[in-house]
Amino acid sequence: MTITPTDPRDRMIVALDVPGVAEAEKLVATLGDSATFYKIGYQLAYAGGLPMAHDLIRAGKKVFIDLKLHDIGNTVANGVAGIAKLGAAFLTVHAYPQTMKAAVEASRGSGLQILAVTVLTSYNNDDLKEAGYTLGVADMVAQRARQARAIGIDGIVCSAEESANLRAILGRDIALVTPGIRPAGSAVGDQKRVMTPARAIAAGSDYLVVGRPVVAAADPKAAAQAIVAEIAAAS
């Protein structure tokens, strides 16, 4: 069972979407104790950032490895086993049944929680239609979430727009992890399904993934503290 953290800092996951390890280390040092949870995605992972997970964990931080694995079952299982050795808390896979099954089986007993990515927050109904899907975003997210629950996935990555509906479908045992978080007045950028921190928490999200609003802020620490305060007020 996944329990919503009681410390509001643990509900904000700062995305280390920076060019390299030096920039990531500088940001972590700047944020200090205002952030406790970090995400390492493609950009940093491919720039030598995966070993940094060990350093963050040794420093008492939690780490989310966001690689969105999707391949044949054996390849996914081997990838999950490798990430589990890092001591990370979360790892993402795409929410295709075969992929999810392989990831769940490979993660058993490791402490690594598998998150299923339903529909990317940069996609809308037109994007899904263009890609050949017959379902719209809401129906696709709901279908994949039900499959994920049946398979034993620990959490779902979804936009905050879907959180309330998914919470009703999934109950409290599965974590909802929400990217596309934009504090009021922030630029939307390439996201199409966004929400403020307070509204996302009210909708039922457990964890909020925040990238550019912190990483690109003139004062990243102040930006992070403001988001944590908003989470605390909404919790």
C-alpha atoms as a PDB file:
ATOM      1  CA  MET A   1       0.000   0.000   0.000  1.00  0.00           C
ATOM      2  CA  THR A   2       1.302   3.467  -0.908  1.00  0.00           C
ATOM      3  CA  ILE A   3       0.763   6.079   1.787  1.00  0.00           C
ATOM      4  CA  THR A   4       0.702   9.809   1.019  1.00  0.00           C
ATOM      5  CA  PRO A   5       3.737  11.435   2.718  1.00  0.00           C
ATOM      6  CA  THR A   6       3.017  13.579   5.766  1.00  0.00           C
ATOM      7  CA  ASP A   7       5.909  15.994   5.120  1.00  0.00           C
ATOM      8  CA  PRO A   8       4.828  18.351   2.289  1.00  0.00           C
ATOM      9  CA  ARG A   9       8.444  18.505   1.069  1.00  0.00           C
ATOM     10  CA  ASP A  10       8.259  14.782   0.264  1.00  0.00           C
ATOM     11  CA  ARG A  11       5.292  15.438  -2.021  1.00  0.00           C
ATOM     12  CA  MET A  12       7.256  17.791  -4.292  1.00  0.00           C
ATOM     13  CA  ILE A  13       9.606  15.988  -6.679  1.00  0.00           C
ATOM     14  CA  VAL A  14      12.094  18.370  -8.269  1.00  0.00           C
ATOM     15  CA  ALA A  15      12.953  17.350 -11.820  1.00  0.00           C
ATOM     16  CA  LEU A  16      16.697  17.658 -12.386  1.00  0.00           C
ATOM     17  CA  ASP A  17      16.178  18.557 -16.037  1.00  0.00           C
ATOM     18  CA  VAL A  18      19.598  20.139 -16.538  1.00  0.00           C
ATOM     19  CA  PRO A  19      22.417  19.481 -19.048  1.00  0.00           C
ATOM     20  CA  GLY A  20      24.833  17.688 -16.746  1.00  0.00           C
ATOM     21  CA  VAL A  21      25.886  16.508 -13.313  1.00  0.00           C
ATOM     22  CA  ALA A  22      27.648  19.750 -12.369  1.00  0.00           C
ATOM     23  CA  GLU A  23      24.461  21.748 -12.946  1.00  0.00           C
ATOM     24  CA  ALA A  24      22.398  19.168 -11.049  1.00  0.00           C
ATOM     25  CA  GLU A  25      24.748  19.197  -8.070  1.00  0.00           C
ATOM     26  CA  LYS A  26      24.676  22.995  -8.002  1.00  0.00           C
ATOM     27  CA  LEU A  27      20.862  23.009  -7.998  1.00  0.00           C
ATOM     28  CA  VAL A  28      20.675  20.406  -5.210  1.00  0.00           C
ATOM     29  CA  ALA A  29      23.113  22.460  -3.124  1.00  0.00           C
ATOM     30  CA  THR A  30      21.083  25.610  -3.767  1.00  0.00           C
ATOM     31  CA  LEU A  31      17.815  23.964  -2.733  1.00  0.00           C
ATOM     32  CA  GLY A  32      19.307  22.479   0.431  1.00  0.00           C
ATOM     33  CA  ASP A  33      16.664  21.183   2.828  1.00  0.00           C
ATOM     34  CA  SER A  34      13.829  22.846   0.903  1.00  0.00           C
ATOM     35  CA  ALA A  35      13.663  19.753  -1.328  1.00  0.00           C
ATOM     36  CA  THR A  36      13.869  16.088  -0.344  1.00  0.00           C
ATOM     37  CA  PHE A  37      12.867  14.260  -3.532  1.00  0.00           C
ATOM     38  CA  TYR A  38      14.517  14.470  -6.966  1.00  0.00           C
ATOM     39  CA  LYS A  39      13.767  13.100 -10.406  1.00  0.00           C
ATOM     40  CA  ILE A  40      16.491  12.016 -12.830  1.00  0.00           C
ATOM     41  CA  GLY A  41      15.131  11.783 -16.355  1.00  0.00           C
ATOM     42  CA  TYR A  42      16.509  11.255 -19.855  1.00  0.00           C
ATOM     43  CA  GLN A  43      18.480  14.475 -20.095  1.00  0.00           C
ATOM     44  CA  LEU A  44      20.552  13.981 -16.952  1.00  0.00           C
ATOM     45  CA  ALA A  45      20.667  10.170 -17.135  1.00  0.00           C
ATOM     46  CA  TYR A  46      22.225  10.309 -20.599  1.00  0.00           C
ATOM     47  CA  ALA A  47      24.713  12.919 -19.391  1.00  0.00           C
ATOM     48  CA  GLY A  48      26.182  10.640 -16.697  1.00  0.00           C
ATOM     49  CA  GLY A  49      23.568  11.371 -14.033  1.00  0.00           C
ATOM     50  CA  LEU A  50      22.540   7.886 -12.938  1.00  0.00           C
ATOM     51  CA  PRO A  51      25.511   7.435 -10.563  1.00  0.00           C
ATOM     52  CA  MET A  52      24.388  10.704  -8.933  1.00  0.00           C
ATOM     53  CA  ALA A  53      21.421   8.763  -7.537  1.00  0.00           C
ATOM     54  CA  HIS A  54      23.794   7.078  -5.061  1.00  0.00           C
ATOM     55  CA  ASP A  55      25.046  10.460  -3.833  1.00  0.00           C
ATOM     56  CA  LEU A  56      21.534  11.820  -3.394  1.00  0.00           C
ATOM     57  CA  ILE A  57      20.387   8.743  -1.491  1.00  0.00           C
ATOM     58  CA  ARG A  58      23.461   8.846   0.765  1.00  0.00           C
ATOM     59  CA  ALA A  59      22.588  12.478   1.491  1.00  0.00           C
ATOM     60  CA  GLY A  60      19.146  11.413   2.703  1.00  0.00           C
ATOM     61  CA  LYS A  61      17.232  12.327  -0.452  1.00  0.00           C
ATOM     62  CA  LYS A  62      14.723  10.198  -2.352  1.00  0.00           C
ATOM     63  CA  VAL A  63      15.242   9.547  -6.061  1.00  0.00           C
ATOM     64  CA  PHE A  64      12.781   8.991  -8.885  1.00  0.00           C
ATOM     65  CA  ILE A  65      14.330   7.508 -12.054  1.00  0.00           C
ATOM     66  CA  ASP A  66      12.162   8.609 -14.962  1.00  0.00           C
ATOM     67  CA  LEU A  67      13.195   6.497 -17.957  1.00  0.00           C
ATOM     68  CA  LYS A  68       9.726   5.425 -19.134  1.00  0.00           C
ATOM     69  CA  LEU A  69      10.865   1.919 -20.029  1.00  0.00           C
ATOM     70  CA  HIS A  70       9.037   0.119 -22.831  1.00  0.00           C
ATOM     71  CA  ASP A  71      10.461  -2.903 -24.631  1.00  0.00           C
ATOM     72  CA  ILE A  72      10.139  -6.672 -24.732  1.00  0.00           C
ATOM     73  CA  GLY A  73       9.584  -8.199 -21.308  1.00  0.00           C
ATOM     74  CA  ASN A  74      13.089  -9.566 -20.775  1.00  0.00           C
ATOM     75  CA  THR A  75      14.721  -6.258 -21.623  1.00  0.00           C
ATOM     76  CA  VAL A  76      12.369  -4.343 -19.317  1.00  0.00           C
ATOM     77  CA  ALA A  77      13.000  -6.811 -16.482  1.00  0.00           C
ATOM     78  CA  ASN A  78      16.765  -6.469 -16.809  1.00  0.00           C
ATOM     79  CA  GLY A  79      16.505  -2.695 -16.841  1.00  0.00           C
ATOM     80  CA  VAL A  80      14.329  -2.686 -13.726  1.00  0.00           C
ATOM     81  CA  ALA A  81      16.759  -4.994 -11.918  1.00  0.00           C
ATOM     82  CA  GLY A  82      19.604  -2.616 -12.687  1.00  0.00           C
ATOM     83  CA  ILE A  83      17.721   0.449 -11.455  1.00  0.00           C
ATOM     84  CA  ALA A  84      16.665  -1.385  -8.285  1.00  0.00           C
ATOM     85  CA  LYS A  85      20.344  -1.727  -7.341  1.00  0.00           C
ATOM     86  CA  LEU A  86      20.659   2.074  -7.272  1.00  0.00           C
ATOM     87  CA  GLY A  87      18.295   2.272  -4.308  1.00  0.00           C
ATOM     88  CA  ALA A  88      15.828   4.534  -6.110  1.00  0.00           C
ATOM     89  CA  ALA A  89      12.278   4.974  -4.805  1.00  0.00           C
ATOM     90  CA  PHE A  90      10.409   5.223  -8.118  1.00  0.00           C
ATOM     91  CA  LEU A  91      10.925   4.101 -11.721  1.00  0.00           C
ATOM     92  CA  THR A  92       8.611   4.808 -14.638  1.00  0.00           C
ATOM     93  CA  VAL A  93       7.485   2.440 -17.384  1.00  0.00           C
ATOM     94  CA  HIS A  94       4.932   3.010 -20.112  1.00  0.00           C
ATOM     95  CA  ALA A  95       1.510   1.615 -19.241  1.00  0.00           C
ATOM     96  CA  TYR A  96       1.396  -1.252 -21.721  1.00  0.00           C
ATOM     97  CA  PRO A  97       0.339  -4.524 -20.051  1.00  0.00           C
ATOM     98  CA  GLN A  98       3.370  -6.620 -21.052  1.00  0.00           C
ATOM     99  CA  THR A  99       5.750  -3.868 -19.987  1.00  0.00           C
ATOM    100  CA  MET A 100       4.017  -3.349 -16.647  1.00  0.00           C
ATOM    101  CA  LYS A 101       3.927  -7.078 -15.878  1.00  0.00           C
ATOM    102  CA  ALA A 102       7.645  -7.482 -16.567  1.00  0.00           C
ATOM    103  CA  ALA A 103       8.508  -4.443 -14.438  1.00  0.00           C
ATOM    104  CA  VAL A 104       6.362  -5.484 -11.464  1.00  0.00           C
ATOM    105  CA  GLU A 105       7.800  -8.998 -11.442  1.00  0.00           C
ATOM    106  CA  ALA A 106      11.389  -7.744 -11.680  1.00  0.00           C
ATOM    107  CA  SER A 107      10.920  -5.221  -8.861  1.00  0.00           C
ATOM    108  CA  ARG A 108       9.509  -7.643  -6.277  1.00  0.00           C
ATOM    109  CA  GLY A 109      11.419  -7.571  -3.002  1.00  0.00           C
ATOM    110  CA  SER A 110      13.619  -4.657  -4.033  1.00  0.00           C
ATOM    111  CA  GLY A 111      11.795  -1.704  -2.489  1.00  0.00           C
ATOM    112  CA  LEU A 112      11.643  -0.026  -5.911  1.00  0.00           C
ATOM    113  CA  GLN A 113       8.135   1.184  -6.745  1.00  0.00           C
ATOM    114  CA  ILE A 114       6.988   1.032 -10.367  1.00  0.00           C
ATOM    115  CA  LEU A 115       5.011   3.932 -11.800  1.00  0.00           C
ATOM    116  CA  ALA A 116       3.026   3.527 -15.010  1.00  0.00           C
ATOM    117  CA  VAL A 117       2.875   6.450 -17.438  1.00  0.00           C
ATOM    118  CA  THR A 118      -0.641   6.559 -18.870  1.00  0.00           C
ATOM    119  CA  VAL A 119      -0.724   9.447 -21.378  1.00  0.00           C
ATOM    120  CA  LEU A 120       1.998  12.093 -21.492  1.00  0.00           C
ATOM    121  CA  THR A 121       0.872  15.512 -20.251  1.00  0.00           C
ATOM    122  CA  SER A 122       2.030  17.070 -23.520  1.00  0.00           C
ATOM    123  CA  TYR A 123      -0.657  15.042 -25.369  1.00  0.00           C
ATOM    124  CA  ASN A 124      -4.281  15.947 -25.968  1.00  0.00           C
ATOM    125  CA  ASN A 125      -7.100  14.170 -27.809  1.00  0.00           C
ATOM    126  CA  ASP A 126      -5.882  15.348 -31.204  1.00  0.00           C
ATOM    127  CA  ASP A 127      -2.394  14.002 -30.512  1.00  0.00           C
ATOM    128  CA  LEU A 128      -3.777  10.565 -29.625  1.00  0.00           C
ATOM    129  CA  LYS A 129      -5.923  10.518 -32.759  1.00  0.00           C
ATOM    130  CA  GLU A 130      -2.917  11.461 -34.879  1.00  0.00           C
ATOM    131  CA  ALA A 131      -0.968   8.587 -33.293  1.00  0.00           C
ATOM    132  CA  GLY A 132      -3.662   6.116 -34.307  1.00  0.00           C
ATOM    133  CA  TYR A 133      -5.543   5.673 -31.029  1.00  0.00           C
ATOM    134  CA  THR A 134      -9.339   5.577 -31.034  1.00  0.00           C
ATOM    135  CA  LEU A 135      -9.730   6.562 -27.383  1.00  0.00           C
ATOM    136  CA  GLY A 136      -9.458  10.111 -26.081  1.00  0.00           C
ATOM    137  CA  VAL A 137      -7.174  11.101 -23.225  1.00  0.00           C
ATOM    138  CA  ALA A 138      -9.654  10.538 -20.392  1.00  0.00           C
ATOM    139  CA  ASP A 139     -10.748   7.099 -21.593  1.00  0.00           C
ATOM    140  CA  MET A 140      -7.190   6.009 -22.412  1.00  0.00           C
ATOM    141  CA  VAL A 141      -5.937   7.066 -18.976  1.00  0.00           C
ATOM    142  CA  ALA A 142      -8.796   5.268 -17.220  1.00  0.00           C
ATOM    143  CA  GLN A 143      -8.294   2.061 -19.220  1.00  0.00           C
ATOM    144  CA  ARG A 144      -4.559   1.961 -18.601  1.00  0.00           C
ATOM    145  CA  ALA A 145      -5.036   2.762 -14.914  1.00  0.00           C
ATOM    146  CA  ARG A 146      -7.417  -0.185 -14.468  1.00  0.00           C
ATOM    147  CA  GLN A 147      -4.927  -2.473 -16.207  1.00  0.00           C
ATOM    148  CA  ALA A 148      -2.130  -1.146 -13.999  1.00  0.00           C
ATOM    149  CA  ARG A 149      -4.128  -1.818 -10.837  1.00  0.00           C
ATOM    150  CA  ALA A 150      -4.867  -5.382 -11.923  1.00  0.00           C
ATOM    151  CA  ILE A 151      -1.169  -5.990 -12.638  1.00  0.00           C
ATOM    152  CA  GLY A 152      -0.010  -4.630  -9.291  1.00  0.00           C
ATOM    153  CA  ILE A 153       1.587  -1.322 -10.266  1.00  0.00           C
ATOM    154  CA  ASP A 154       2.519   0.927  -7.327  1.00  0.00           C
ATOM    155  CA  GLY A 155       1.600   4.245  -8.878  1.00  0.00           C
ATOM    156  CA  ILE A 156       0.219   6.058 -11.895  1.00  0.00           C
ATOM    157  CA  VAL A 157       1.740   9.060 -13.648  1.00  0.00           C
ATOM    158  CA  CYS A 158      -1.098  11.249 -14.872  1.00  0.00           C
ATOM    159  CA  SER A 159      -2.013  14.881 -15.261  1.00  0.00           C
ATOM    160  CA  ALA A 160      -3.857  16.513 -12.391  1.00  0.00           C
ATOM    161  CA  GLU A 161      -6.883  16.767 -14.673  1.00  0.00           C
ATOM    162  CA  GLU A 162      -7.249  12.994 -14.370  1.00  0.00           C
ATOM    163  CA  SER A 163      -6.412  12.686 -10.654  1.00  0.00           C
ATOM    164  CA  ALA A 164      -9.919  13.013  -9.250  1.00  0.00           C
ATOM    165  CA  ASN A 165     -11.367  10.463 -11.677  1.00  0.00           C
ATOM    166  CA  LEU A 166      -8.488   8.037 -11.128  1.00  0.00           C
ATOM    167  CA  ARG A 167      -8.722   8.321  -7.363  1.00  0.00           C
ATOM    168  CA  ALA A 168     -12.352   7.235  -7.632  1.00  0.00           C
ATOM    169  CA  ILE A 169     -11.346   4.307  -9.870  1.00  0.00           C
ATOM    170  CA  LEU A 170      -8.219   3.197  -8.000  1.00  0.00           C
ATOM    171  CA  GLY A 171      -8.916   4.018  -4.347  1.00  0.00           C
ATOM    172  CA  ARG A 172      -6.124   5.049  -1.966  1.00  0.00           C
ATOM    173  CA  ASP A 173      -3.717   2.144  -2.454  1.00  0.00           C
ATOM    174  CA  ILE A 174      -2.060   3.447  -5.636  1.00  0.00           C
ATOM    175  CA  ALA A 175      -0.031   6.648  -5.706  1.00  0.00           C
ATOM    176  CA  LEU A 176      -0.890   9.365  -8.219  1.00  0.00           C
ATOM    177  CA  VAL A 177       2.186  11.222  -9.452  1.00  0.00           C
ATOM    178  CA  THR A 178       1.486  14.399 -11.374  1.00  0.00           C
ATOM    179  CA  PRO A 179       3.809  16.255 -13.755  1.00  0.00           C
ATOM    180  CA  GLY A 180       2.740  19.405 -15.593  1.00  0.00           C
ATOM    181  CA  ILE A 181       2.571  21.417 -12.372  1.00  0.00           C
ATOM    182  CA  ARG A 182       2.582  25.163 -12.933  1.00  0.00           C
ATOM    183  CA  PRO A 183       2.178  27.679 -10.091  1.00  0.00           C
ATOM    184  CA  ALA A 184      -0.228  30.501 -10.906  1.00  0.00           C
ATOM    185  CA  GLY A 185       1.332  32.881 -13.414  1.00  0.00           C
ATOM    186  CA  SER A 186       3.947  30.383 -14.677  1.00  0.00           C
ATOM    187  CA  ALA A 187       4.455  29.718 -18.375  1.00  0.00           C
ATOM    188  CA  VAL A 188       2.803  26.516 -19.604  1.00  0.00           C
ATOM    189  CA  GLY A 189       5.612  25.762 -22.090  1.00  0.00           C
ATOM    190  CA  ASP A 190       5.088  22.544 -24.064  1.00  0.00           C
ATOM    191  CA  GLN A 191       2.578  21.095 -21.603  1.00  0.00           C
ATOM    192  CA  LYS A 192      -1.110  20.862 -22.557  1.00  0.00           C
ATOM    193  CA  ARG A 193      -2.683  19.498 -19.362  1.00  0.00           C
ATOM    194  CA  VAL A 194      -1.436  21.541 -16.396  1.00  0.00           C
ATOM    195  CA  MET A 195      -2.622  22.572 -12.925  1.00  0.00           C
ATOM    196  CA  THR A 196      -1.441  24.597  -9.937  1.00  0.00           C
ATOM    197  CA  PRO A 197       0.014  22.743  -6.916  1.00  0.00           C
ATOM    198  CA  ALA A 198      -2.985  23.469  -4.695  1.00  0.00           C
ATOM    199  CA  ARG A 199      -5.523  22.328  -7.281  1.00  0.00           C
ATOM    200  CA  ALA A 200      -3.523  19.171  -8.007  1.00  0.00           C
ATOM    201  CA  ILE A 201      -3.449  18.220  -4.317  1.00  0.00           C
ATOM    202  CA  ALA A 202      -7.169  18.928  -4.011  1.00  0.00           C
ATOM    203  CA  ALA A 203      -7.790  16.708  -7.049  1.00  0.00           C
ATOM    204  CA  GLY A 204      -6.121  13.771  -5.312  1.00  0.00           C
ATOM    205  CA  SER A 205      -2.482  13.812  -6.474  1.00  0.00           C
ATOM    206  CA  ASP A 206       0.012  12.387  -3.964  1.00  0.00           C
ATOM    207  CA  TYR A 207       3.237  13.658  -5.545  1.00  0.00           C
ATOM    208  CA  LEU A 208       3.847  16.696  -7.752  1.00  0.00           C
ATOM    209  CA  VAL A 209       6.710  16.704 -10.235  1.00  0.00           C
ATOM    210  CA  VAL A 210       8.042  20.237 -10.677  1.00  0.00           C
ATOM    211  CA  GLY A 211      10.707  21.096 -13.226  1.00  0.00           C
ATOM    212  CA  ARG A 212      11.001  24.476 -14.905  1.00  0.00           C
ATOM    213  CA  PRO A 213       9.091  26.480 -12.242  1.00  0.00           C
ATOM    214  CA  VAL A 214      11.981  25.623  -9.858  1.00  0.00           C
ATOM    215  CA  VAL A 215      14.919  24.840 -12.149  1.00  0.00           C
ATOM    216  CA  ALA A 216      14.497  27.982 -14.273  1.00  0.00           C
ATOM    217  CA  ALA A 217      13.489  30.297 -11.417  1.00  0.00           C
ATOM    218  CA  ALA A 218      15.614  33.320 -10.574  1.00  0.00           C
ATOM    219  CA  ASP A 219      15.623  32.033  -6.983  1.00  0.00           C
ATOM    220  CA  PRO A 220      15.096  28.239  -7.118  1.00  0.00           C
ATOM    221  CA  LYS A 221      15.035  27.818  -3.341  1.00  0.00           C
ATOM    222  CA  ALA A 222      12.361  30.467  -2.864  1.00  0.00           C
ATOM    223  CA  ALA A 223      10.336  28.927  -5.699  1.00  0.00           C
ATOM    224  CA  ALA A 224      10.576  25.468  -4.120  1.00  0.00           C
ATOM    225  CA  GLN A 225       9.614  26.789  -0.691  1.00  0.00           C
ATOM    226  CA  ALA A 226       6.576  28.558  -2.155  1.00  0.00           C
ATOM    227  CA  ILE A 227       5.389  25.333  -3.821  1.00  0.00           C
ATOM    228  CA  VAL A 228       5.887  23.326  -0.613  1.00  0.00           C
ATOM    229  CA  ALA A 229       3.915  25.957   1.310  1.00  0.00           C
ATOM    230  CA  GLU A 230       1.100  25.702  -1.244  1.00  0.00           C
ATOM    231  CA  ILE A 231       1.104  21.917  -0.909  1.00  0.00           C
ATOM    232  CA  ALA A 232       1.004  22.181   2.887  1.00  0.00           C
ATOM    233  CA  ALA A 233      -1.904  24.626   2.791  1.00  0.00           C
ATOM    234  CA  ALA A 234      -3.869  22.384   0.425  1.00  0.00           C
ATOM    235  CA  SER A 235      -3.185  19.113   2.272  1.00  0.00           C
END
